């Protein structure tokens, strides 16, 4: 697992919305698992995590497929959210961008895994 994905998981586990939101680029886009709107920019992203982290949340990475270059890294796969003792199976795609100072999340899509019939 890449360092940024692991850092994101650790910040989610910290239950601190500010620490999670700080990982996102100032022009970042979040298509969150538990939201029906596009969250573009820090204020909307912070708002999402403030609402999500009113409960203790854990994340388990199930699969992760990475592609890395010097300035862009992508991570996509499956993860589980543990929310109020309920496991929610989901899929994710992250795009990480290397800035002058550090890596930031430029784009993050997450959605509930459809049930198979």
PDB file of N, CA and C in Angstrom:
ATOM      1  N   UNK A   1       0.853  -1.178   0.000  1.00  0.00           N
ATOM      2  CA  UNK A   1       0.000   0.000   0.000  1.00  0.00           C
ATOM      3  C   UNK A   1       0.898   1.240   0.000  1.00  0.00           C
ATOM      4  N   UNK A   2       0.534   2.220  -0.811  1.00  0.00           N
ATOM      5  CA  UNK A   2       1.398   3.404  -0.842  1.00  0.00           C
ATOM      6  C   UNK A   2       1.259   4.211   0.453  1.00  0.00           C
ATOM      7  N   UNK A   3       2.245   5.055   0.680  1.00  0.00           N
ATOM      8  CA  UNK A   3       2.292   5.822   1.924  1.00  0.00           C
ATOM      9  C   UNK A   3       1.093   6.748   2.084  1.00  0.00           C
ATOM     10  N   UNK A   4       0.647   7.381   0.987  1.00  0.00           N
ATOM     11  CA  UNK A   4      -0.476   8.310   1.087  1.00  0.00           C
ATOM     12  C   UNK A   4      -1.771   7.586   1.434  1.00  0.00           C
ATOM     13  N   UNK A   5      -1.993   6.429   0.856  1.00  0.00           N
ATOM     14  CA  UNK A   5      -3.205   5.673   1.179  1.00  0.00           C
ATOM     15  C   UNK A   5      -3.177   5.246   2.645  1.00  0.00           C
ATOM     16  N   UNK A   6      -2.029   4.770   3.099  1.00  0.00           N
ATOM     17  CA  UNK A   6      -1.888   4.383   4.508  1.00  0.00           C
ATOM     18  C   UNK A   6      -2.093   5.594   5.415  1.00  0.00           C
ATOM     19  N   UNK A   7      -1.556   6.739   5.038  1.00  0.00           N
ATOM     20  CA  UNK A   7      -1.744   7.958   5.822  1.00  0.00           C
ATOM     21  C   UNK A   7      -3.222   8.330   5.890  1.00  0.00           C
ATOM     22  N   UNK A   8      -3.936   8.206   4.765  1.00  0.00           N
ATOM     23  CA  UNK A   8      -5.373   8.511   4.749  1.00  0.00           C
ATOM     24  C   UNK A   8      -6.119   7.604   5.732  1.00  0.00           C
ATOM     25  N   UNK A   9      -5.797   6.309   5.705  1.00  0.00           N
ATOM     26  CA  UNK A   9      -6.441   5.356   6.625  1.00  0.00           C
ATOM     27  C   UNK A   9      -6.154   5.754   8.074  1.00  0.00           C
ATOM     28  N   UNK A  10      -4.915   6.091   8.372  1.00  0.00           N
ATOM     29  CA  UNK A  10      -4.548   6.482   9.740  1.00  0.00           C
ATOM     30  C   UNK A  10      -5.292   7.744  10.179  1.00  0.00           C
ATOM     31  N   UNK A  11      -5.441   8.705   9.282  1.00  0.00           N
ATOM     32  CA  UNK A  11      -6.146   9.946   9.629  1.00  0.00           C
ATOM     33  C   UNK A  11      -7.641   9.682   9.838  1.00  0.00           C
ATOM     34  N   UNK A  12      -8.229   8.793   9.037  1.00  0.00           N
ATOM     35  CA  UNK A  12      -9.627   8.405   9.269  1.00  0.00           C
ATOM     36  C   UNK A  12      -9.759   7.797  10.662  1.00  0.00           C
ATOM     37  N   UNK A  13      -8.852   6.902  10.998  1.00  0.00           N
ATOM     38  CA  UNK A  13      -8.885   6.244  12.315  1.00  0.00           C
ATOM     39  C   UNK A  13      -8.680   7.229  13.462  1.00  0.00           C
ATOM     40  N   UNK A  14      -8.016   8.354  13.201  1.00  0.00           N
ATOM     41  CA  UNK A  14      -7.794   9.364  14.247  1.00  0.00           C
ATOM     42  C   UNK A  14      -9.102  10.069  14.616  1.00  0.00           C
ATOM     43  N   UNK A  15     -10.101   9.939  13.738  1.00  0.00           N
ATOM     44  CA  UNK A  15     -11.419  10.550  13.958  1.00  0.00           C
ATOM     45  C   UNK A  15     -11.350  12.081  14.004  1.00  0.00           C
ATOM     46  N   UNK A  16     -10.360  12.657  13.316  1.00  0.00           N
ATOM     47  CA  UNK A  16     -10.167  14.108  13.284  1.00  0.00           C
ATOM     48  C   UNK A  16     -10.389  14.600  11.855  1.00  0.00           C
ATOM     49  N   UNK A  17     -11.537  15.229  11.628  1.00  0.00           N
ATOM     50  CA  UNK A  17     -11.912  15.675  10.284  1.00  0.00           C
ATOM     51  C   UNK A  17     -10.893  16.639   9.691  1.00  0.00           C
ATOM     52  N   UNK A  18     -10.321  17.500  10.511  1.00  0.00           N
ATOM     53  CA  UNK A  18      -9.337  18.459  10.011  1.00  0.00           C
ATOM     54  C   UNK A  18      -8.096  17.764   9.475  1.00  0.00           C
ATOM     55  N   UNK A  19      -7.633  16.735  10.183  1.00  0.00           N
ATOM     56  CA  UNK A  19      -6.446  16.003   9.741  1.00  0.00           C
ATOM     57  C   UNK A  19      -6.710  15.277   8.425  1.00  0.00           C
ATOM     58  N   UNK A  20      -7.910  14.737   8.263  1.00  0.00           N
ATOM     59  CA  UNK A  20      -8.250  14.054   7.013  1.00  0.00           C
ATOM     60  C   UNK A  20      -8.339  15.073   5.885  1.00  0.00           C
ATOM     61  N   UNK A  21      -9.062  16.149   6.098  1.00  0.00           N
ATOM     62  CA  UNK A  21      -9.260  17.161   5.053  1.00  0.00           C
ATOM     63  C   UNK A  21      -7.938  17.793   4.626  1.00  0.00           C
ATOM     64  N   UNK A  22      -6.980  17.897   5.535  1.00  0.00           N
ATOM     65  CA  UNK A  22      -5.675  18.484   5.207  1.00  0.00           C
ATOM     66  C   UNK A  22      -4.907  17.654   4.180  1.00  0.00           C
ATOM     67  N   UNK A  23      -5.286  16.396   3.997  1.00  0.00           N
ATOM     68  CA  UNK A  23      -4.610  15.541   3.016  1.00  0.00           C
ATOM     69  C   UNK A  23      -5.014  15.880   1.579  1.00  0.00           C
ATOM     70  N   UNK A  24      -6.107  16.617   1.418  1.00  0.00           N
ATOM     71  CA  UNK A  24      -6.650  16.907   0.097  1.00  0.00           C
ATOM     72  C   UNK A  24      -6.068  18.205  -0.468  1.00  0.00           C
ATOM     73  N   UNK A  25      -5.865  18.216  -1.769  1.00  0.00           N
ATOM     74  CA  UNK A  25      -5.393  19.394  -2.486  1.00  0.00           C
ATOM     75  C   UNK A  25      -6.434  20.506  -2.345  1.00  0.00           C
ATOM     76  N   UNK A  26      -5.993  21.758  -2.383  1.00  0.00           N
ATOM     77  CA  UNK A  26      -6.938  22.879  -2.225  1.00  0.00           C
ATOM     78  C   UNK A  26      -8.024  22.864  -3.299  1.00  0.00           C
ATOM     79  N   UNK A  27      -7.736  22.295  -4.457  1.00  0.00           N
ATOM     80  CA  UNK A  27      -8.723  22.154  -5.528  1.00  0.00           C
ATOM     81  C   UNK A  27      -9.179  20.703  -5.666  1.00  0.00           C
ATOM     82  N   UNK A  28      -9.024  19.933  -4.598  1.00  0.00           N
ATOM     83  CA  UNK A  28      -9.363  18.517  -4.635  1.00  0.00           C
ATOM     84  C   UNK A  28     -10.851  18.268  -4.835  1.00  0.00           C
ATOM     85  N   UNK A  29     -11.144  17.079  -5.349  1.00  0.00           N
ATOM     86  CA  UNK A  29     -12.521  16.648  -5.565  1.00  0.00           C
ATOM     87  C   UNK A  29     -12.756  15.360  -4.795  1.00  0.00           C
ATOM     88  N   UNK A  30     -13.819  15.333  -4.012  1.00  0.00           N
ATOM     89  CA  UNK A  30     -14.230  14.140  -3.276  1.00  0.00           C
ATOM     90  C   UNK A  30     -15.630  13.746  -3.711  1.00  0.00           C
ATOM     91  N   UNK A  31     -15.760  12.539  -4.217  1.00  0.00           N
ATOM     92  CA  UNK A  31     -17.063  11.929  -4.487  1.00  0.00           C
ATOM     93  C   UNK A  31     -17.219  10.859  -3.413  1.00  0.00           C
ATOM     94  N   UNK A  32     -17.776  11.246  -2.290  1.00  0.00           N
ATOM     95  CA  UNK A  32     -17.775  10.418  -1.092  1.00  0.00           C
ATOM     96  C   UNK A  32     -18.821   9.320  -1.098  1.00  0.00           C
ATOM     97  N   UNK A  33     -18.518   8.277  -0.360  1.00  0.00           N
ATOM     98  CA  UNK A  33     -19.406   7.124  -0.226  1.00  0.00           C
ATOM     99  C   UNK A  33     -20.754   7.523   0.351  1.00  0.00           C
ATOM    100  N   UNK A  34     -20.748   8.454   1.288  1.00  0.00           N
ATOM    101  CA  UNK A  34     -21.943   8.781   2.057  1.00  0.00           C
ATOM    102  C   UNK A  34     -22.485  10.171   1.716  1.00  0.00           C
ATOM    103  N   UNK A  35     -22.305  10.605   0.476  1.00  0.00           N
ATOM    104  CA  UNK A  35     -22.756  11.922   0.049  1.00  0.00           C
ATOM    105  C   UNK A  35     -23.228  11.846  -1.395  1.00  0.00           C
ATOM    106  N   UNK A  36     -24.205  12.667  -1.728  1.00  0.00           N
ATOM    107  CA  UNK A  36     -24.720  12.665  -3.089  1.00  0.00           C
ATOM    108  C   UNK A  36     -24.307  13.917  -3.864  1.00  0.00           C
ATOM    109  N   UNK A  37     -23.332  14.655  -3.348  1.00  0.00           N
ATOM    110  CA  UNK A  37     -22.861  15.850  -4.055  1.00  0.00           C
ATOM    111  C   UNK A  37     -21.363  15.755  -4.327  1.00  0.00           C
ATOM    112  N   UNK A  38     -20.928  16.506  -5.350  1.00  0.00           N
ATOM    113  CA  UNK A  38     -19.502  16.635  -5.620  1.00  0.00           C
ATOM    114  C   UNK A  38     -18.927  17.611  -4.600  1.00  0.00           C
ATOM    115  N   UNK A  39     -17.892  17.202  -3.936  1.00  0.00           N
ATOM    116  CA  UNK A  39     -17.275  18.059  -2.925  1.00  0.00           C
ATOM    117  C   UNK A  39     -15.945  18.544  -3.471  1.00  0.00           C
ATOM    118  N   UNK A  40     -15.982  19.758  -4.008  1.00  0.00           N
ATOM    119  CA  UNK A  40     -14.815  20.349  -4.641  1.00  0.00           C
ATOM    120  C   UNK A  40     -14.267  21.446  -3.736  1.00  0.00           C
ATOM    121  N   UNK A  41     -13.032  21.288  -3.304  1.00  0.00           N
ATOM    122  CA  UNK A  41     -12.398  22.284  -2.441  1.00  0.00           C
ATOM    123  C   UNK A  41     -12.457  21.908  -0.973  1.00  0.00           C
ATOM    124  N   UNK A  42     -11.582  22.536  -0.220  1.00  0.00           N
ATOM    125  CA  UNK A  42     -11.378  22.168   1.190  1.00  0.00           C
ATOM    126  C   UNK A  42     -12.610  22.304   2.072  1.00  0.00           C
ATOM    127  N   UNK A  43     -13.407  23.349   1.885  1.00  0.00           N
ATOM    128  CA  UNK A  43     -14.559  23.551   2.773  1.00  0.00           C
ATOM    129  C   UNK A  43     -15.576  22.431   2.654  1.00  0.00           C
ATOM    130  N   UNK A  44     -15.915  22.043   1.433  1.00  0.00           N
ATOM    131  CA  UNK A  44     -16.897  20.973   1.242  1.00  0.00           C
ATOM    132  C   UNK A  44     -16.337  19.616   1.670  1.00  0.00           C
ATOM    133  N   UNK A  45     -15.044  19.410   1.451  1.00  0.00           N
ATOM    134  CA  UNK A  45     -14.411  18.160   1.871  1.00  0.00           C
ATOM    135  C   UNK A  45     -14.378  18.083   3.398  1.00  0.00           C
ATOM    136  N   UNK A  46     -13.996  19.170   4.050  1.00  0.00           N
ATOM    137  CA  UNK A  46     -13.991  19.196   5.512  1.00  0.00           C
ATOM    138  C   UNK A  46     -15.389  18.939   6.058  1.00  0.00           C
ATOM    139  N   UNK A  47     -16.396  19.539   5.470  1.00  0.00           N
ATOM    140  CA  UNK A  47     -17.778  19.341   5.891  1.00  0.00           C
ATOM    141  C   UNK A  47     -18.171  17.865   5.818  1.00  0.00           C
ATOM    142  N   UNK A  48     -17.779  17.195   4.744  1.00  0.00           N
ATOM    143  CA  UNK A  48     -18.074  15.764   4.576  1.00  0.00           C
ATOM    144  C   UNK A  48     -17.482  14.951   5.730  1.00  0.00           C
ATOM    145  N   UNK A  49     -16.204  15.190   6.028  1.00  0.00           N
ATOM    146  CA  UNK A  49     -15.557  14.399   7.072  1.00  0.00           C
ATOM    147  C   UNK A  49     -16.039  14.772   8.472  1.00  0.00           C
ATOM    148  N   UNK A  50     -16.438  16.020   8.686  1.00  0.00           N
ATOM    149  CA  UNK A  50     -17.037  16.379   9.982  1.00  0.00           C
ATOM    150  C   UNK A  50     -18.316  15.577  10.210  1.00  0.00           C
ATOM    151  N   UNK A  51     -19.126  15.425   9.147  1.00  0.00           N
ATOM    152  CA  UNK A  51     -20.358  14.639   9.269  1.00  0.00           C
ATOM    153  C   UNK A  51     -20.066  13.151   9.425  1.00  0.00           C
ATOM    154  N   UNK A  52     -19.139  12.637   8.639  1.00  0.00           N
ATOM    155  CA  UNK A  52     -18.818  11.211   8.691  1.00  0.00           C
ATOM    156  C   UNK A  52     -18.219  10.812  10.037  1.00  0.00           C
ATOM    157  N   UNK A  53     -17.338  11.638  10.550  1.00  0.00           N
ATOM    158  CA  UNK A  53     -16.587  11.266  11.751  1.00  0.00           C
ATOM    159  C   UNK A  53     -17.286  11.644  13.050  1.00  0.00           C
ATOM    160  N   UNK A  54     -18.602  11.860  12.993  1.00  0.00           N
ATOM    161  CA  UNK A  54     -19.351  12.004  14.245  1.00  0.00           C
ATOM    162  C   UNK A  54     -19.411  10.660  14.953  1.00  0.00           C
ATOM    163  N   UNK A  55     -19.196   9.581  14.212  1.00  0.00           N
ATOM    164  CA  UNK A  55     -19.056   8.235  14.764  1.00  0.00           C
ATOM    165  C   UNK A  55     -17.615   7.791  14.550  1.00  0.00           C
ATOM    166  N   UNK A  56     -17.176   6.815  15.334  1.00  0.00           N
ATOM    167  CA  UNK A  56     -15.846   6.249  15.112  1.00  0.00           C
ATOM    168  C   UNK A  56     -15.890   5.415  13.836  1.00  0.00           C
ATOM    169  N   UNK A  57     -14.937   5.666  12.950  1.00  0.00           N
ATOM    170  CA  UNK A  57     -14.882   4.979  11.659  1.00  0.00           C
ATOM    171  C   UNK A  57     -13.546   4.265  11.531  1.00  0.00           C
ATOM    172  N   UNK A  58     -13.587   3.064  10.992  1.00  0.00           N
ATOM    173  CA  UNK A  58     -12.358   2.349  10.660  1.00  0.00           C
ATOM    174  C   UNK A  58     -12.419   1.982   9.188  1.00  0.00           C
ATOM    175  N   UNK A  59     -11.263   1.794   8.583  1.00  0.00           N
ATOM    176  CA  UNK A  59     -11.164   1.411   7.180  1.00  0.00           C
ATOM    177  C   UNK A  59     -10.214   0.231   7.076  1.00  0.00           C
ATOM    178  N   UNK A  60     -10.620  -0.772   6.308  1.00  0.00           N
ATOM    179  CA  UNK A  60      -9.769  -1.923   6.008  1.00  0.00           C
ATOM    180  C   UNK A  60      -9.565  -1.956   4.498  1.00  0.00           C
ATOM    181  N   UNK A  61      -8.317  -1.895   4.050  1.00  0.00           N
ATOM    182  CA  UNK A  61      -8.027  -2.010   2.621  1.00  0.00           C
ATOM    183  C   UNK A  61      -8.094  -3.494   2.264  1.00  0.00           C
ATOM    184  N   UNK A  62      -8.900  -3.837   1.266  1.00  0.00           N
ATOM    185  CA  UNK A  62      -9.049  -5.224   0.816  1.00  0.00           C
ATOM    186  C   UNK A  62      -8.126  -5.483  -0.369  1.00  0.00           C
ATOM    187  N   UNK A  63      -8.214  -4.639  -1.401  1.00  0.00           N
ATOM    188  CA  UNK A  63      -7.310  -4.716  -2.551  1.00  0.00           C
ATOM    189  C   UNK A  63      -6.847  -3.315  -2.904  1.00  0.00           C
ATOM    190  N   UNK A  64      -5.672  -3.224  -3.517  1.00  0.00           N
ATOM    191  CA  UNK A  64      -5.137  -1.934  -3.929  1.00  0.00           C
ATOM    192  C   UNK A  64      -4.299  -2.135  -5.182  1.00  0.00           C
ATOM    193  N   UNK A  65      -4.630  -1.386  -6.216  1.00  0.00           N
ATOM    194  CA  UNK A  65      -3.905  -1.437  -7.480  1.00  0.00           C
ATOM    195  C   UNK A  65      -3.315  -0.055  -7.713  1.00  0.00           C
ATOM    196  N   UNK A  66      -1.990   0.009  -7.839  1.00  0.00           N
ATOM    197  CA  UNK A  66      -1.306   1.296  -7.912  1.00  0.00           C
ATOM    198  C   UNK A  66      -0.641   1.513  -9.269  1.00  0.00           C
ATOM    199  N   UNK A  67      -0.560   2.779  -9.609  1.00  0.00           N
ATOM    200  CA  UNK A  67       0.235   3.223 -10.751  1.00  0.00           C
ATOM    201  C   UNK A  67       0.986   4.453 -10.273  1.00  0.00           C
ATOM    202  N   UNK A  68       2.303   4.471 -10.460  1.00  0.00           N
ATOM    203  CA  UNK A  68       3.113   5.562  -9.925  1.00  0.00           C
ATOM    204  C   UNK A  68       3.954   6.213 -11.005  1.00  0.00           C
ATOM    205  N   UNK A  69       4.005   7.530 -10.966  1.00  0.00           N
ATOM    206  CA  UNK A  69       4.977   8.304 -11.721  1.00  0.00           C
ATOM    207  C   UNK A  69       5.637   9.254 -10.726  1.00  0.00           C
ATOM    208  N   UNK A  70       6.494  10.108 -11.228  1.00  0.00           N
ATOM    209  CA  UNK A  70       7.192  11.030 -10.329  1.00  0.00           C
ATOM    210  C   UNK A  70       6.236  12.014  -9.645  1.00  0.00           C
ATOM    211  N   UNK A  71       5.158  12.416 -10.360  1.00  0.00           N
ATOM    212  CA  UNK A  71       4.285  13.463  -9.835  1.00  0.00           C
ATOM    213  C   UNK A  71       2.840  13.041  -9.598  1.00  0.00           C
ATOM    214  N   UNK A  72       2.458  11.883 -10.118  1.00  0.00           N
ATOM    215  CA  UNK A  72       1.085  11.389  -9.969  1.00  0.00           C
ATOM    216  C   UNK A  72       1.140   9.934  -9.534  1.00  0.00           C
ATOM    217  N   UNK A  73       0.293   9.583  -8.578  1.00  0.00           N
ATOM    218  CA  UNK A  73       0.108   8.187  -8.187  1.00  0.00           C
ATOM    219  C   UNK A  73      -1.387   7.933  -8.115  1.00  0.00           C
ATOM    220  N   UNK A  74      -1.810   6.787  -8.618  1.00  0.00           N
ATOM    221  CA  UNK A  74      -3.205   6.393  -8.467  1.00  0.00           C
ATOM    222  C   UNK A  74      -3.269   5.128  -7.635  1.00  0.00           C
ATOM    223  N   UNK A  75      -4.305   5.024  -6.845  1.00  0.00           N
ATOM    224  CA  UNK A  75      -4.604   3.820  -6.065  1.00  0.00           C
ATOM    225  C   UNK A  75      -6.092   3.547  -6.226  1.00  0.00           C
ATOM    226  N   UNK A  76      -6.417   2.333  -6.633  1.00  0.00           N
ATOM    227  CA  UNK A  76      -7.817   1.946  -6.813  1.00  0.00           C
ATOM    228  C   UNK A  76      -7.997   0.536  -6.288  1.00  0.00           C
ATOM    229  N   UNK A  77      -9.188   0.269  -5.769  1.00  0.00           N
ATOM    230  CA  UNK A  77      -9.456  -1.074  -5.273  1.00  0.00           C
ATOM    231  C   UNK A  77     -10.700  -1.116  -4.410  1.00  0.00           C
ATOM    232  N   UNK A  78     -10.653  -2.050  -3.480  1.00  0.00           N
ATOM    233  CA  UNK A  78     -11.783  -2.269  -2.583  1.00  0.00           C
ATOM    234  C   UNK A  78     -11.354  -2.003  -1.148  1.00  0.00           C
ATOM    235  N   UNK A  79     -12.278  -1.435  -0.364  1.00  0.00           N
ATOM    236  CA  UNK A  79     -12.060  -1.287   1.063  1.00  0.00           C
ATOM    237  C   UNK A  79     -13.375  -1.448   1.794  1.00  0.00           C
ATOM    238  N   UNK A  80     -13.252  -1.668   3.087  1.00  0.00           N
ATOM    239  CA  UNK A  80     -14.424  -1.775   3.948  1.00  0.00           C
ATOM    240  C   UNK A  80     -14.385  -0.631   4.948  1.00  0.00           C
ATOM    241  N   UNK A  81     -15.534   0.000   5.133  1.00  0.00           N
ATOM    242  CA  UNK A  81     -15.707   0.923   6.235  1.00  0.00           C
ATOM    243  C   UNK A  81     -16.364   0.157   7.366  1.00  0.00           C
ATOM    244  N   UNK A  82     -15.889   0.368   8.580  1.00  0.00           N
ATOM    245  CA  UNK A  82     -16.551  -0.157   9.769  1.00  0.00           C
ATOM    246  C   UNK A  82     -17.133   1.058  10.482  1.00  0.00           C
ATOM    247  N   UNK A  83     -18.452   1.135  10.469  1.00  0.00           N
ATOM    248  CA  UNK A  83     -19.159   2.303  10.985  1.00  0.00           C
ATOM    249  C   UNK A  83     -20.258   1.813  11.912  1.00  0.00           C
ATOM    250  N   UNK A  84     -20.160   2.178  13.187  1.00  0.00           N
ATOM    251  CA  UNK A  84     -21.139   1.717  14.185  1.00  0.00           C
ATOM    252  C   UNK A  84     -21.284   0.193  14.156  1.00  0.00           C
ATOM    253  N   UNK A  85     -20.140  -0.486  14.132  1.00  0.00           N
ATOM    254  CA  UNK A  85     -20.071  -1.954  14.127  1.00  0.00           C
ATOM    255  C   UNK A  85     -20.707  -2.597  12.902  1.00  0.00           C
ATOM    256  N   UNK A  86     -20.920  -1.822  11.839  1.00  0.00           N
ATOM    257  CA  UNK A  86     -21.452  -2.354  10.596  1.00  0.00           C
ATOM    258  C   UNK A  86     -20.378  -2.249   9.525  1.00  0.00           C
ATOM    259  N   UNK A  87     -20.169  -3.343   8.789  1.00  0.00           N
ATOM    260  CA  UNK A  87     -19.191  -3.339   7.701  1.00  0.00           C
ATOM    261  C   UNK A  87     -19.885  -2.909   6.417  1.00  0.00           C
ATOM    262  N   UNK A  88     -19.339  -1.876   5.780  1.00  0.00           N
ATOM    263  CA  UNK A  88     -19.858  -1.368   4.516  1.00  0.00           C
ATOM    264  C   UNK A  88     -18.778  -1.600   3.468  1.00  0.00           C
ATOM    265  N   UNK A  89     -19.067  -2.483   2.511  1.00  0.00           N
ATOM    266  CA  UNK A  89     -18.107  -2.791   1.454  1.00  0.00           C
ATOM    267  C   UNK A  89     -18.180  -1.703   0.393  1.00  0.00           C
ATOM    268  N   UNK A  90     -17.014  -1.186  -0.006  1.00  0.00           N
ATOM    269  CA  UNK A  90     -16.972  -0.071  -0.955  1.00  0.00           C
ATOM    270  C   UNK A  90     -15.779  -0.228  -1.893  1.00  0.00           C
ATOM    271  N   UNK A  91     -15.789   0.585  -2.940  1.00  0.00           N
ATOM    272  CA  UNK A  91     -14.671   0.641  -3.884  1.00  0.00           C
ATOM    273  C   UNK A  91     -14.140   2.068  -3.895  1.00  0.00           C
ATOM    274  N   UNK A  92     -12.869   2.218  -4.287  1.00  0.00           N
ATOM    275  CA  UNK A  92     -12.246   3.538  -4.230  1.00  0.00           C
ATOM    276  C   UNK A  92     -11.298   3.755  -5.400  1.00  0.00           C
ATOM    277  N   UNK A  93     -11.101   5.026  -5.696  1.00  0.00           N
ATOM    278  CA  UNK A  93     -10.039   5.473  -6.598  1.00  0.00           C
ATOM    279  C   UNK A  93      -9.497   6.783  -6.043  1.00  0.00           C
ATOM    280  N   UNK A  94      -8.194   6.830  -5.859  1.00  0.00           N
ATOM    281  CA  UNK A  94      -7.505   8.037  -5.433  1.00  0.00           C
ATOM    282  C   UNK A  94      -6.537   8.469  -6.533  1.00  0.00           C
ATOM    283  N   UNK A  95      -6.413   9.776  -6.724  1.00  0.00           N
ATOM    284  CA  UNK A  95      -5.335  10.340  -7.520  1.00  0.00           C
ATOM    285  C   UNK A  95      -4.550  11.252  -6.581  1.00  0.00           C
ATOM    286  N   UNK A  96      -3.269  10.929  -6.389  1.00  0.00           N
ATOM    287  CA  UNK A  96      -2.389  11.717  -5.532  1.00  0.00           C
ATOM    288  C   UNK A  96      -1.469  12.549  -6.417  1.00  0.00           C
ATOM    289  N   UNK A  97      -1.300  13.817  -6.073  1.00  0.00           N
ATOM    290  CA  UNK A  97      -0.470  14.736  -6.833  1.00  0.00           C
ATOM    291  C   UNK A  97       0.676  15.224  -5.958  1.00  0.00           C
ATOM    292  N   UNK A  98       1.887  15.163  -6.497  1.00  0.00           N
ATOM    293  CA  UNK A  98       3.035  15.683  -5.763  1.00  0.00           C
ATOM    294  C   UNK A  98       3.094  17.195  -5.955  1.00  0.00           C
ATOM    295  N   UNK A  99       3.017  17.930  -4.857  1.00  0.00           N
ATOM    296  CA  UNK A  99       3.127  19.387  -4.899  1.00  0.00           C
ATOM    297  C   UNK A  99       4.554  19.765  -4.498  1.00  0.00           C
ATOM    298  N   UNK A 100       4.818  21.041  -4.412  1.00  0.00           N
ATOM    299  CA  UNK A 100       6.165  21.481  -4.014  1.00  0.00           C
ATOM    300  C   UNK A 100       6.528  20.980  -2.619  1.00  0.00           C
ATOM    301  N   UNK A 101       5.534  20.917  -1.733  1.00  0.00           N
ATOM    302  CA  UNK A 101       5.798  20.550  -0.337  1.00  0.00           C
ATOM    303  C   UNK A 101       5.603  19.067  -0.059  1.00  0.00           C
ATOM    304  N   UNK A 102       4.534  18.464  -0.600  1.00  0.00           N
ATOM    305  CA  UNK A 102       4.225  17.071  -0.270  1.00  0.00           C
ATOM    306  C   UNK A 102       3.172  16.521  -1.230  1.00  0.00           C
ATOM    307  N   UNK A 103       2.734  15.316  -0.985  1.00  0.00           N
ATOM    308  CA  UNK A 103       1.691  14.693  -1.790  1.00  0.00           C
ATOM    309  C   UNK A 103       0.321  15.105  -1.256  1.00  0.00           C
ATOM    310  N   UNK A 104      -0.622  15.346  -2.173  1.00  0.00           N
ATOM    311  CA  UNK A 104      -1.993  15.712  -1.810  1.00  0.00           C
ATOM    312  C   UNK A 104      -2.965  14.869  -2.630  1.00  0.00           C
ATOM    313  N   UNK A 105      -4.159  14.677  -2.082  1.00  0.00           N
ATOM    314  CA  UNK A 105      -5.204  13.959  -2.799  1.00  0.00           C
ATOM    315  C   UNK A 105      -5.882  14.948  -3.738  1.00  0.00           C
ATOM    316  N   UNK A 106      -5.750  14.697  -5.033  1.00  0.00           N
ATOM    317  CA  UNK A 106      -6.357  15.559  -6.038  1.00  0.00           C
ATOM    318  C   UNK A 106      -7.787  15.125  -6.336  1.00  0.00           C
ATOM    319  N   UNK A 107      -8.001  13.807  -6.341  1.00  0.00           N
ATOM    320  CA  UNK A 107      -9.324  13.273  -6.639  1.00  0.00           C
ATOM    321  C   UNK A 107      -9.520  11.986  -5.843  1.00  0.00           C
ATOM    322  N   UNK A 108     -10.724  11.819  -5.312  1.00  0.00           N
ATOM    323  CA  UNK A 108     -11.063  10.630  -4.521  1.00  0.00           C
ATOM    324  C   UNK A 108     -12.515  10.278  -4.806  1.00  0.00           C
ATOM    325  N   UNK A 109     -12.713   9.108  -5.354  1.00  0.00           N
ATOM    326  CA  UNK A 109     -14.063   8.578  -5.583  1.00  0.00           C
ATOM    327  C   UNK A 109     -14.229   7.340  -4.724  1.00  0.00           C
ATOM    328  N   UNK A 110     -15.361   7.247  -4.064  1.00  0.00           N
ATOM    329  CA  UNK A 110     -15.674   6.103  -3.229  1.00  0.00           C
ATOM    330  C   UNK A 110     -17.169   5.834  -3.325  1.00  0.00           C
ATOM    331  N   UNK A 111     -17.518   4.571  -3.494  1.00  0.00           N
ATOM    332  CA  UNK A 111     -18.937   4.227  -3.570  1.00  0.00           C
ATOM    333  C   UNK A 111     -19.173   2.833  -3.005  1.00  0.00           C
ATOM    334  N   UNK A 112     -20.368   2.633  -2.508  1.00  0.00           N
ATOM    335  CA  UNK A 112     -20.760   1.330  -1.958  1.00  0.00           C
ATOM    336  C   UNK A 112     -20.680   0.291  -3.068  1.00  0.00           C
ATOM    337  N   UNK A 113     -20.140  -0.848  -2.734  1.00  0.00           N
ATOM    338  CA  UNK A 113     -20.027  -1.945  -3.691  1.00  0.00           C
ATOM    339  C   UNK A 113     -21.426  -2.497  -3.944  1.00  0.00           C
ATOM    340  N   UNK A 114     -21.839  -2.560  -5.217  1.00  0.00           N
ATOM    341  CA  UNK A 114     -23.178  -3.102  -5.504  1.00  0.00           C
ATOM    342  C   UNK A 114     -23.284  -4.562  -5.056  1.00  0.00           C
ATOM    343  N   UNK A 115     -24.449  -4.911  -4.599  1.00  0.00           N
ATOM    344  CA  UNK A 115     -24.711  -6.307  -4.207  1.00  0.00           C
ATOM    345  C   UNK A 115     -24.853  -7.147  -5.464  1.00  0.00           C
ATOM    346  N   UNK A 116     -24.271  -8.336  -5.459  1.00  0.00           N
ATOM    347  CA  UNK A 116     -24.408  -9.221  -6.600  1.00  0.00           C
ATOM    348  C   UNK A 116     -25.757  -9.944  -6.518  1.00  0.00           C
ATOM    349  N   UNK A 117     -26.307 -10.256  -7.683  1.00  0.00           N
ATOM    350  CA  UNK A 117     -27.618 -10.924  -7.723  1.00  0.00           C
ATOM    351  C   UNK A 117     -27.445 -12.410  -7.914  1.00  0.00           C
TER     352      UNK A 117
END
